[in-house]
Amino acid sequence: MSDAAPGFDDQRAANRANWDDRVAGHIAPDGYDVAGLLADPGRLTTVVAHDSPLLGDVRGLDLLHLQCHIGTDTLAWARLGANVTGVDFSPKALAAARRFAEEAELDITYVECDLYDAPHHVEGVFDVVYTSVGTICWLPDIAGWARVAAGFVRSGGRFFIRDGHPMLYSMDDDRTDGVYQVRYDYLDHPEPNRFDHDSSYEGSATLEHSVSFEWTHSLSSIVQALIDAGLVIDRVAEYDFLDWKFFSWMEQDGDVYRLPEADRRRVPLQFSIEAHQPER
């Protein structure tokens, strides 16, 4: 179980209500365009185009997707041939994910539970444990997260995460003047940042539950947590692109966003970690 700080239950409840509200916008045409993805199986697999070359052929592999939200990445891995289980704490997100899997005629298991409670709800171990973008900032206990993730990786299996870079999350994204200013802590802090926004990063739906809480985890604490959980780190990478527009002055480049050419080396935007479970 997690060693989350007192008050986490209330913060988790606020976050779950906030993510329940995001579903309407995310499934809308101006959100993730799920209808378009389902209509084009080839386009669906591009959802994980940045990660699939690193994970390689997943056909026939058991894959666990933690914090899967409405399941677009989960659908893509299933379309690529993996036997997929998705986990999320939002009942509305999973209701949408199950509907999409049925429409796509893909056999996916979805489990509704908090990340830290997953060992009590998800059976077995997996060849691949996968975590996609925008996940661990919602978790207070990075060591507990790593123990949960590592516990699901079978002997010889792999773990993969790609997420927003902690340095990026320390920056002030409300600025509109092209200045990169540190606003939030980079190093780990037990108290979360509180945000109050009535819209999400995708879709135009208005959020009734606008308050959310996010926690800071430095890159070193993420890596060390995975090492302490028993995984062997194979590769750490940092990237100059994002899946969404963080700063207003970012430029769209195909299906990603980048900083202006002159600023590309200033701020790392994402990171990925590949690890494996030693043979036991």
C-alpha atoms as a PDB file:
ATOM      1  CA  MET A   1       0.000   0.000   0.000  1.00  0.00           C
ATOM      2  CA  SER A   2       1.027   3.622  -0.464  1.00  0.00           C
ATOM      3  CA  ASP A   3       2.549   5.787   2.240  1.00  0.00           C
ATOM      4  CA  ALA A   4       0.515   8.717   0.928  1.00  0.00           C
ATOM      5  CA  ALA A   5       0.305  11.761   3.164  1.00  0.00           C
ATOM      6  CA  PRO A   6      -2.767  12.488   5.317  1.00  0.00           C
ATOM      7  CA  GLY A   7      -5.427  14.188   3.260  1.00  0.00           C
ATOM      8  CA  PHE A   8      -4.731  12.136   0.162  1.00  0.00           C
ATOM      9  CA  ASP A   9      -8.185  10.546   0.249  1.00  0.00           C
ATOM     10  CA  ASP A  10      -9.800  13.977  -0.171  1.00  0.00           C
ATOM     11  CA  GLN A  11      -7.302  14.972  -2.858  1.00  0.00           C
ATOM     12  CA  ARG A  12      -7.816  11.680  -4.683  1.00  0.00           C
ATOM     13  CA  ALA A  13     -11.593  12.177  -4.555  1.00  0.00           C
ATOM     14  CA  ALA A  14     -11.185  15.653  -6.032  1.00  0.00           C
ATOM     15  CA  ASN A  15      -8.949  14.307  -8.781  1.00  0.00           C
ATOM     16  CA  ARG A  16     -11.337  11.479  -9.596  1.00  0.00           C
ATOM     17  CA  ALA A  17     -14.270  13.903  -9.887  1.00  0.00           C
ATOM     18  CA  ASN A  18     -12.112  16.152 -12.051  1.00  0.00           C
ATOM     19  CA  TRP A  19     -11.135  13.260 -14.361  1.00  0.00           C
ATOM     20  CA  ASP A  20     -14.729  12.034 -14.518  1.00  0.00           C
ATOM     21  CA  ASP A  21     -15.652  15.493 -15.800  1.00  0.00           C
ATOM     22  CA  ARG A  22     -12.886  15.461 -18.414  1.00  0.00           C
ATOM     23  CA  VAL A  23     -14.299  12.404 -20.156  1.00  0.00           C
ATOM     24  CA  ALA A  24     -17.084  14.280 -21.971  1.00  0.00           C
ATOM     25  CA  GLY A  25     -14.597  16.631 -23.618  1.00  0.00           C
ATOM     26  CA  HIS A  26     -11.994  13.977 -24.309  1.00  0.00           C
ATOM     27  CA  ILE A  27     -14.405  11.693 -26.186  1.00  0.00           C
ATOM     28  CA  ALA A  28     -15.857  14.608 -28.189  1.00  0.00           C
ATOM     29  CA  PRO A  29     -14.813  15.380 -31.785  1.00  0.00           C
ATOM     30  CA  ASP A  30     -12.675  18.296 -30.584  1.00  0.00           C
ATOM     31  CA  GLY A  31     -11.036  16.073 -27.974  1.00  0.00           C
ATOM     32  CA  TYR A  32      -9.247  12.802 -28.733  1.00  0.00           C
ATOM     33  CA  ASP A  33     -11.395  12.199 -31.839  1.00  0.00           C
ATOM     34  CA  VAL A  34     -12.004   8.618 -30.742  1.00  0.00           C
ATOM     35  CA  ALA A  35     -14.604   8.099 -33.460  1.00  0.00           C
ATOM     36  CA  GLY A  36     -11.989   8.926 -36.076  1.00  0.00           C
ATOM     37  CA  LEU A  37      -9.470   6.597 -34.467  1.00  0.00           C
ATOM     38  CA  LEU A  38     -11.937   3.719 -34.363  1.00  0.00           C
ATOM     39  CA  ALA A  39     -12.903   4.275 -37.981  1.00  0.00           C
ATOM     40  CA  ASP A  40      -9.289   3.919 -39.122  1.00  0.00           C
ATOM     41  CA  PRO A  41      -7.403   0.971 -37.550  1.00  0.00           C
ATOM     42  CA  GLY A  42      -4.164   2.189 -39.106  1.00  0.00           C
ATOM     43  CA  ARG A  43      -4.543   5.608 -37.540  1.00  0.00           C
ATOM     44  CA  LEU A  44      -5.417   4.031 -34.191  1.00  0.00           C
ATOM     45  CA  THR A  45      -2.015   2.371 -33.938  1.00  0.00           C
ATOM     46  CA  THR A  46      -0.303   5.750 -34.466  1.00  0.00           C
ATOM     47  CA  VAL A  47      -1.500   6.720 -30.978  1.00  0.00           C
ATOM     48  CA  VAL A  48       1.501   4.790 -29.614  1.00  0.00           C
ATOM     49  CA  ALA A  49       3.791   5.566 -32.538  1.00  0.00           C
ATOM     50  CA  HIS A  50       6.439   7.138 -30.290  1.00  0.00           C
ATOM     51  CA  ASP A  51       6.521   4.138 -27.940  1.00  0.00           C
ATOM     52  CA  SER A  52       5.943   1.090 -30.122  1.00  0.00           C
ATOM     53  CA  PRO A  53       9.395   1.223 -31.812  1.00  0.00           C
ATOM     54  CA  LEU A  54      10.966   1.046 -28.345  1.00  0.00           C
ATOM     55  CA  LEU A  55       8.791  -1.810 -27.121  1.00  0.00           C
ATOM     56  CA  GLY A  56       8.942  -3.686 -30.425  1.00  0.00           C
ATOM     57  CA  ASP A  57       6.590  -6.470 -31.441  1.00  0.00           C
ATOM     58  CA  VAL A  58       3.955  -6.975 -28.735  1.00  0.00           C
ATOM     59  CA  ARG A  59       1.913  -9.650 -30.508  1.00  0.00           C
ATOM     60  CA  GLY A  60       0.815 -12.301 -28.019  1.00  0.00           C
ATOM     61  CA  LEU A  61       2.327 -10.465 -25.046  1.00  0.00           C
ATOM     62  CA  ASP A  62       0.398  -9.751 -21.852  1.00  0.00           C
ATOM     63  CA  LEU A  63       0.442  -5.959 -21.408  1.00  0.00           C
ATOM     64  CA  LEU A  64      -0.796  -3.971 -18.408  1.00  0.00           C
ATOM     65  CA  HIS A  65      -1.609  -0.301 -18.997  1.00  0.00           C
ATOM     66  CA  LEU A  66      -1.681   1.615 -15.719  1.00  0.00           C
ATOM     67  CA  GLN A  67      -3.790   4.800 -15.499  1.00  0.00           C
ATOM     68  CA  CYS A  68      -5.288   4.120 -18.913  1.00  0.00           C
ATOM     69  CA  HIS A  69      -8.043   6.820 -18.864  1.00  0.00           C
ATOM     70  CA  ILE A  70     -10.468   6.332 -21.816  1.00  0.00           C
ATOM     71  CA  GLY A  71      -8.211   3.682 -23.308  1.00  0.00           C
ATOM     72  CA  THR A  72      -6.924   5.102 -26.592  1.00  0.00           C
ATOM     73  CA  ASP A  73      -3.404   3.777 -25.952  1.00  0.00           C
ATOM     74  CA  THR A  74      -4.894   0.564 -24.609  1.00  0.00           C
ATOM     75  CA  LEU A  75      -6.863   0.115 -27.834  1.00  0.00           C
ATOM     76  CA  ALA A  76      -3.733   0.731 -29.883  1.00  0.00           C
ATOM     77  CA  TRP A  77      -1.720  -1.942 -28.066  1.00  0.00           C
ATOM     78  CA  ALA A  78      -4.580  -4.400 -28.475  1.00  0.00           C
ATOM     79  CA  ARG A  79      -4.782  -3.571 -32.172  1.00  0.00           C
ATOM     80  CA  LEU A  80      -1.038  -4.305 -32.371  1.00  0.00           C
ATOM     81  CA  GLY A  81      -1.718  -7.777 -30.991  1.00  0.00           C
ATOM     82  CA  ALA A  82      -1.111  -7.561 -27.243  1.00  0.00           C
ATOM     83  CA  ASN A  83      -3.380  -9.130 -24.629  1.00  0.00           C
ATOM     84  CA  VAL A  84      -4.207  -5.919 -22.786  1.00  0.00           C
ATOM     85  CA  THR A  85      -5.485  -5.055 -19.320  1.00  0.00           C
ATOM     86  CA  GLY A  86      -6.195  -1.406 -18.501  1.00  0.00           C
ATOM     87  CA  VAL A  87      -6.443   0.080 -15.015  1.00  0.00           C
ATOM     88  CA  ASP A  88      -7.947   3.440 -14.040  1.00  0.00           C
ATOM     89  CA  PHE A  89      -9.751   4.998 -11.091  1.00  0.00           C
ATOM     90  CA  SER A  90     -12.390   6.887 -13.091  1.00  0.00           C
ATOM     91  CA  PRO A  91     -15.642   4.947 -13.636  1.00  0.00           C
ATOM     92  CA  LYS A  92     -16.733   7.323 -16.391  1.00  0.00           C
ATOM     93  CA  ALA A  93     -13.436   6.922 -18.227  1.00  0.00           C
ATOM     94  CA  LEU A  94     -13.641   3.142 -18.040  1.00  0.00           C
ATOM     95  CA  ALA A  95     -17.257   3.125 -19.180  1.00  0.00           C
ATOM     96  CA  ALA A  96     -16.110   4.967 -22.297  1.00  0.00           C
ATOM     97  CA  ALA A  97     -13.075   2.683 -22.686  1.00  0.00           C
ATOM     98  CA  ARG A  98     -15.226  -0.451 -22.542  1.00  0.00           C
ATOM     99  CA  ARG A  99     -17.615   0.991 -25.115  1.00  0.00           C
ATOM    100  CA  PHE A 100     -14.767   1.819 -27.476  1.00  0.00           C
ATOM    101  CA  ALA A 101     -13.257  -1.656 -27.103  1.00  0.00           C
ATOM    102  CA  GLU A 102     -16.615  -3.193 -27.976  1.00  0.00           C
ATOM    103  CA  GLU A 103     -16.981  -0.933 -31.028  1.00  0.00           C
ATOM    104  CA  ALA A 104     -13.467  -1.863 -32.152  1.00  0.00           C
ATOM    105  CA  GLU A 105     -14.187  -5.561 -31.509  1.00  0.00           C
ATOM    106  CA  LEU A 106     -11.116  -5.816 -29.298  1.00  0.00           C
ATOM    107  CA  ASP A 107     -11.008  -8.050 -26.229  1.00  0.00           C
ATOM    108  CA  ILE A 108      -9.618  -5.835 -23.454  1.00  0.00           C
ATOM    109  CA  THR A 109      -9.941  -6.264 -19.700  1.00  0.00           C
ATOM    110  CA  TYR A 110     -10.559  -3.042 -17.778  1.00  0.00           C
ATOM    111  CA  VAL A 111     -10.241  -2.808 -13.994  1.00  0.00           C
ATOM    112  CA  GLU A 112     -11.543   0.118 -11.960  1.00  0.00           C
ATOM    113  CA  CYS A 113      -9.324   0.853  -8.967  1.00  0.00           C
ATOM    114  CA  ASP A 114      -6.828   3.298  -7.557  1.00  0.00           C
ATOM    115  CA  LEU A 115      -3.265   2.723  -8.735  1.00  0.00           C
ATOM    116  CA  TYR A 116      -2.037   1.894  -5.255  1.00  0.00           C
ATOM    117  CA  ASP A 117      -4.824  -0.676  -4.797  1.00  0.00           C
ATOM    118  CA  ALA A 118      -4.174  -2.413  -8.121  1.00  0.00           C
ATOM    119  CA  PRO A 119      -2.387  -5.432  -6.556  1.00  0.00           C
ATOM    120  CA  HIS A 120      -5.673  -6.255  -4.810  1.00  0.00           C
ATOM    121  CA  HIS A 121      -7.742  -6.057  -8.000  1.00  0.00           C
ATOM    122  CA  VAL A 122      -5.535  -7.184 -10.898  1.00  0.00           C
ATOM    123  CA  GLU A 123      -4.468 -10.814 -11.112  1.00  0.00           C
ATOM    124  CA  GLY A 124      -1.211 -12.155 -12.475  1.00  0.00           C
ATOM    125  CA  VAL A 125       1.958 -10.675 -13.902  1.00  0.00           C
ATOM    126  CA  PHE A 126       2.684  -9.266 -17.342  1.00  0.00           C
ATOM    127  CA  ASP A 127       5.293  -9.259 -20.081  1.00  0.00           C
ATOM    128  CA  VAL A 128       4.996  -5.476 -20.354  1.00  0.00           C
ATOM    129  CA  VAL A 129       3.837  -2.884 -17.826  1.00  0.00           C
ATOM    130  CA  TYR A 130       3.178   0.387 -19.632  1.00  0.00           C
ATOM    131  CA  THR A 131       2.470   3.892 -18.375  1.00  0.00           C
ATOM    132  CA  SER A 132       1.688   6.647 -20.837  1.00  0.00           C
ATOM    133  CA  VAL A 133       1.858  10.430 -20.715  1.00  0.00           C
ATOM    134  CA  GLY A 134       0.345  12.515 -17.921  1.00  0.00           C
ATOM    135  CA  THR A 135       0.162   9.963 -15.124  1.00  0.00           C
ATOM    136  CA  ILE A 136       2.581  10.103 -12.213  1.00  0.00           C
ATOM    137  CA  CYS A 137       2.018  13.778 -11.384  1.00  0.00           C
ATOM    138  CA  TRP A 138      -1.326  12.618  -9.964  1.00  0.00           C
ATOM    139  CA  LEU A 139       0.349  10.295  -7.434  1.00  0.00           C
ATOM    140  CA  PRO A 140       1.812  11.416  -4.092  1.00  0.00           C
ATOM    141  CA  ASP A 141       4.052   8.403  -3.398  1.00  0.00           C
ATOM    142  CA  ILE A 142       6.483   7.693  -6.210  1.00  0.00           C
ATOM    143  CA  ALA A 143       8.138   4.819  -4.352  1.00  0.00           C
ATOM    144  CA  GLY A 144       4.752   3.168  -3.840  1.00  0.00           C
ATOM    145  CA  TRP A 145       3.956   3.626  -7.524  1.00  0.00           C
ATOM    146  CA  ALA A 146       7.220   1.965  -8.518  1.00  0.00           C
ATOM    147  CA  ARG A 147       6.596  -0.991  -6.199  1.00  0.00           C
ATOM    148  CA  VAL A 148       3.146  -1.514  -7.704  1.00  0.00           C
ATOM    149  CA  ALA A 149       4.440  -1.299 -11.274  1.00  0.00           C
ATOM    150  CA  ALA A 150       7.445  -3.555 -10.633  1.00  0.00           C
ATOM    151  CA  GLY A 151       5.269  -6.097  -8.870  1.00  0.00           C
ATOM    152  CA  PHE A 152       3.306  -6.670 -12.071  1.00  0.00           C
ATOM    153  CA  VAL A 153       6.363  -7.259 -14.275  1.00  0.00           C
ATOM    154  CA  ARG A 154       7.008 -10.972 -14.674  1.00  0.00           C
ATOM    155  CA  SER A 155      10.526 -12.410 -14.593  1.00  0.00           C
ATOM    156  CA  GLY A 156      12.319 -11.173 -17.692  1.00  0.00           C
ATOM    157  CA  GLY A 157       9.470  -8.778 -18.483  1.00  0.00           C
ATOM    158  CA  ARG A 158       9.703  -5.089 -19.258  1.00  0.00           C
ATOM    159  CA  PHE A 159       8.515  -1.795 -17.820  1.00  0.00           C
ATOM    160  CA  PHE A 160       8.063   1.392 -19.869  1.00  0.00           C
ATOM    161  CA  ILE A 161       7.023   4.939 -19.069  1.00  0.00           C
ATOM    162  CA  ARG A 162       6.952   8.102 -21.149  1.00  0.00           C
ATOM    163  CA  ASP A 163       5.722  11.228 -19.408  1.00  0.00           C
ATOM    164  CA  GLY A 164       6.080  14.977 -19.162  1.00  0.00           C
ATOM    165  CA  HIS A 165       9.498  15.994 -17.894  1.00  0.00           C
ATOM    166  CA  PRO A 166       9.624  17.139 -14.247  1.00  0.00           C
ATOM    167  CA  MET A 167      11.572  20.235 -15.308  1.00  0.00           C
ATOM    168  CA  LEU A 168       8.754  21.157 -17.684  1.00  0.00           C
ATOM    169  CA  TYR A 169       6.225  20.794 -14.880  1.00  0.00           C
ATOM    170  CA  SER A 170       8.209  23.245 -12.753  1.00  0.00           C
ATOM    171  CA  MET A 171       7.711  25.992 -15.377  1.00  0.00           C
ATOM    172  CA  ASP A 172       5.022  28.682 -15.461  1.00  0.00           C
ATOM    173  CA  ASP A 173       2.674  27.672 -18.281  1.00  0.00           C
ATOM    174  CA  ASP A 174       0.444  30.720 -17.747  1.00  0.00           C
ATOM    175  CA  ARG A 175       3.001  33.061 -19.274  1.00  0.00           C
ATOM    176  CA  THR A 176       2.336  34.259 -22.813  1.00  0.00           C
ATOM    177  CA  ASP A 177       5.528  36.262 -23.399  1.00  0.00           C
ATOM    178  CA  GLY A 178       7.938  33.469 -24.383  1.00  0.00           C
ATOM    179  CA  VAL A 179       9.808  33.596 -21.056  1.00  0.00           C
ATOM    180  CA  TYR A 180      10.724  30.283 -19.401  1.00  0.00           C
ATOM    181  CA  GLN A 181      10.265  30.891 -15.688  1.00  0.00           C
ATOM    182  CA  VAL A 182      10.396  28.357 -12.856  1.00  0.00           C
ATOM    183  CA  ARG A 183       7.191  28.627 -10.824  1.00  0.00           C
ATOM    184  CA  TYR A 184       6.873  25.293  -9.015  1.00  0.00           C
ATOM    185  CA  ASP A 185       9.277  23.024  -7.127  1.00  0.00           C
ATOM    186  CA  TYR A 186      11.380  20.659  -9.205  1.00  0.00           C
ATOM    187  CA  LEU A 187      12.549  18.507  -6.282  1.00  0.00           C
ATOM    188  CA  ASP A 188      10.038  16.246  -4.559  1.00  0.00           C
ATOM    189  CA  HIS A 189       7.641  17.885  -2.162  1.00  0.00           C
ATOM    190  CA  PRO A 190       5.039  16.064  -0.043  1.00  0.00           C
ATOM    191  CA  GLU A 191       2.396  18.768  -0.471  1.00  0.00           C
ATOM    192  CA  PRO A 192       0.652  18.877  -3.838  1.00  0.00           C
ATOM    193  CA  ASN A 193       0.107  21.860  -6.080  1.00  0.00           C
ATOM    194  CA  ARG A 194      -3.567  22.841  -6.172  1.00  0.00           C
ATOM    195  CA  PHE A 195      -5.061  23.920  -9.490  1.00  0.00           C
ATOM    196  CA  ASP A 196      -8.481  25.294 -10.335  1.00  0.00           C
ATOM    197  CA  HIS A 197      -9.254  25.162 -14.066  1.00  0.00           C
ATOM    198  CA  ASP A 198     -12.687  24.611 -15.572  1.00  0.00           C
ATOM    199  CA  SER A 199     -11.310  23.154 -18.810  1.00  0.00           C
ATOM    200  CA  SER A 200      -9.006  20.300 -19.802  1.00  0.00           C
ATOM    201  CA  TYR A 201      -6.045  20.114 -22.172  1.00  0.00           C
ATOM    202  CA  GLU A 202      -8.288  18.499 -24.830  1.00  0.00           C
ATOM    203  CA  GLY A 203     -11.919  19.128 -25.686  1.00  0.00           C
ATOM    204  CA  SER A 204     -14.143  22.133 -24.996  1.00  0.00           C
ATOM    205  CA  ALA A 205     -16.273  20.643 -22.212  1.00  0.00           C
ATOM    206  CA  THR A 206     -16.584  22.702 -19.027  1.00  0.00           C
ATOM    207  CA  LEU A 207     -15.509  20.934 -15.840  1.00  0.00           C
ATOM    208  CA  GLU A 208     -17.939  21.174 -12.936  1.00  0.00           C
ATOM    209  CA  HIS A 209     -15.285  19.796 -10.564  1.00  0.00           C
ATOM    210  CA  SER A 210     -12.492  22.182 -11.490  1.00  0.00           C
ATOM    211  CA  VAL A 211     -10.079  21.622  -8.588  1.00  0.00           C
ATOM    212  CA  SER A 212      -7.256  19.109  -8.943  1.00  0.00           C
ATOM    213  CA  PHE A 213      -4.014  18.252  -7.140  1.00  0.00           C
ATOM    214  CA  GLU A 214      -0.635  17.312  -8.601  1.00  0.00           C
ATOM    215  CA  TRP A 215       2.608  16.159  -7.007  1.00  0.00           C
ATOM    216  CA  THR A 216       6.219  16.917  -7.909  1.00  0.00           C
ATOM    217  CA  HIS A 217       8.646  14.056  -8.673  1.00  0.00           C
ATOM    218  CA  SER A 218      12.156  14.775  -9.901  1.00  0.00           C
ATOM    219  CA  LEU A 219      13.661  12.614 -12.615  1.00  0.00           C
ATOM    220  CA  SER A 220      16.195  11.194 -10.148  1.00  0.00           C
ATOM    221  CA  SER A 221      13.456  10.196  -7.690  1.00  0.00           C
ATOM    222  CA  ILE A 222      11.528   8.414 -10.445  1.00  0.00           C
ATOM    223  CA  VAL A 223      14.603   6.494 -11.587  1.00  0.00           C
ATOM    224  CA  GLN A 224      15.665   5.658  -8.036  1.00  0.00           C
ATOM    225  CA  ALA A 225      12.167   4.479  -7.113  1.00  0.00           C
ATOM    226  CA  LEU A 226      12.216   1.985  -9.978  1.00  0.00           C
ATOM    227  CA  ILE A 227      15.700   0.769  -8.988  1.00  0.00           C
ATOM    228  CA  ASP A 228      14.628   0.397  -5.351  1.00  0.00           C
ATOM    229  CA  ALA A 229      11.592  -1.600  -6.527  1.00  0.00           C
ATOM    230  CA  GLY A 230      13.936  -4.152  -8.088  1.00  0.00           C
ATOM    231  CA  LEU A 231      13.852  -3.189 -11.747  1.00  0.00           C
ATOM    232  CA  VAL A 232      16.989  -2.844 -13.861  1.00  0.00           C
ATOM    233  CA  ILE A 233      17.112   0.399 -15.816  1.00  0.00           C
ATOM    234  CA  ASP A 234      17.999  -0.162 -19.478  1.00  0.00           C
ATOM    235  CA  ARG A 235      17.517   3.289 -20.974  1.00  0.00           C
ATOM    236  CA  VAL A 236      16.598   6.829 -19.953  1.00  0.00           C
ATOM    237  CA  ALA A 237      15.831   9.377 -22.683  1.00  0.00           C
ATOM    238  CA  GLU A 238      14.721  13.019 -22.812  1.00  0.00           C
ATOM    239  CA  TYR A 239      12.771  14.572 -25.687  1.00  0.00           C
ATOM    240  CA  ASP A 240      12.105  17.930 -27.316  1.00  0.00           C
ATOM    241  CA  PHE A 241       8.466  17.244 -28.218  1.00  0.00           C
ATOM    242  CA  LEU A 242       5.127  17.027 -26.413  1.00  0.00           C
ATOM    243  CA  ASP A 243       1.787  15.414 -27.186  1.00  0.00           C
ATOM    244  CA  TRP A 244      -0.025  18.600 -26.154  1.00  0.00           C
ATOM    245  CA  LYS A 245       0.558  22.367 -26.193  1.00  0.00           C
ATOM    246  CA  PHE A 246       2.045  23.309 -22.804  1.00  0.00           C
ATOM    247  CA  PHE A 247       3.279  26.829 -23.634  1.00  0.00           C
ATOM    248  CA  SER A 248       1.123  29.088 -25.808  1.00  0.00           C
ATOM    249  CA  TRP A 249       4.103  29.784 -28.101  1.00  0.00           C
ATOM    250  CA  MET A 250       4.816  26.137 -28.924  1.00  0.00           C
ATOM    251  CA  GLU A 251       4.654  25.169 -32.589  1.00  0.00           C
ATOM    252  CA  GLN A 252       2.774  22.192 -33.989  1.00  0.00           C
ATOM    253  CA  ASP A 253       4.956  19.743 -35.900  1.00  0.00           C
ATOM    254  CA  GLY A 254       2.781  16.993 -37.323  1.00  0.00           C
ATOM    255  CA  ASP A 255       1.084  15.293 -34.380  1.00  0.00           C
ATOM    256  CA  VAL A 256       3.391  16.819 -31.726  1.00  0.00           C
ATOM    257  CA  TYR A 257       4.334  20.241 -30.366  1.00  0.00           C
ATOM    258  CA  ARG A 258       7.835  21.703 -30.072  1.00  0.00           C
ATOM    259  CA  LEU A 259       9.433  24.879 -28.795  1.00  0.00           C
ATOM    260  CA  PRO A 260      10.527  27.454 -31.379  1.00  0.00           C
ATOM    261  CA  GLU A 261      13.738  26.403 -33.111  1.00  0.00           C
ATOM    262  CA  ALA A 262      15.895  28.857 -31.149  1.00  0.00           C
ATOM    263  CA  ASP A 263      14.608  27.450 -27.824  1.00  0.00           C
ATOM    264  CA  ARG A 264      14.684  23.710 -28.560  1.00  0.00           C
ATOM    265  CA  ARG A 265      17.609  23.030 -26.210  1.00  0.00           C
ATOM    266  CA  ARG A 266      16.348  25.111 -23.285  1.00  0.00           C
ATOM    267  CA  VAL A 267      13.804  22.822 -21.631  1.00  0.00           C
ATOM    268  CA  PRO A 268      13.379  19.032 -21.827  1.00  0.00           C
ATOM    269  CA  LEU A 269       9.729  18.353 -22.546  1.00  0.00           C
ATOM    270  CA  GLN A 270       9.360  14.608 -21.966  1.00  0.00           C
ATOM    271  CA  PHE A 271      11.329  11.643 -20.704  1.00  0.00           C
ATOM    272  CA  SER A 272      11.080   7.889 -21.075  1.00  0.00           C
ATOM    273  CA  ILE A 273      12.442   5.025 -19.005  1.00  0.00           C
ATOM    274  CA  GLU A 274      12.812   1.443 -20.135  1.00  0.00           C
ATOM    275  CA  ALA A 275      13.556  -1.215 -17.508  1.00  0.00           C
ATOM    276  CA  HIS A 276      13.265  -4.956 -17.012  1.00  0.00           C
ATOM    277  CA  GLN A 277      12.642  -7.446 -14.244  1.00  0.00           C
ATOM    278  CA  PRO A 278      15.686  -9.681 -13.706  1.00  0.00           C
ATOM    279  CA  GLU A 279      15.189 -13.375 -14.323  1.00  0.00           C
ATOM    280  CA  ARG A 280      14.082 -15.093 -11.130  1.00  0.00           C
END
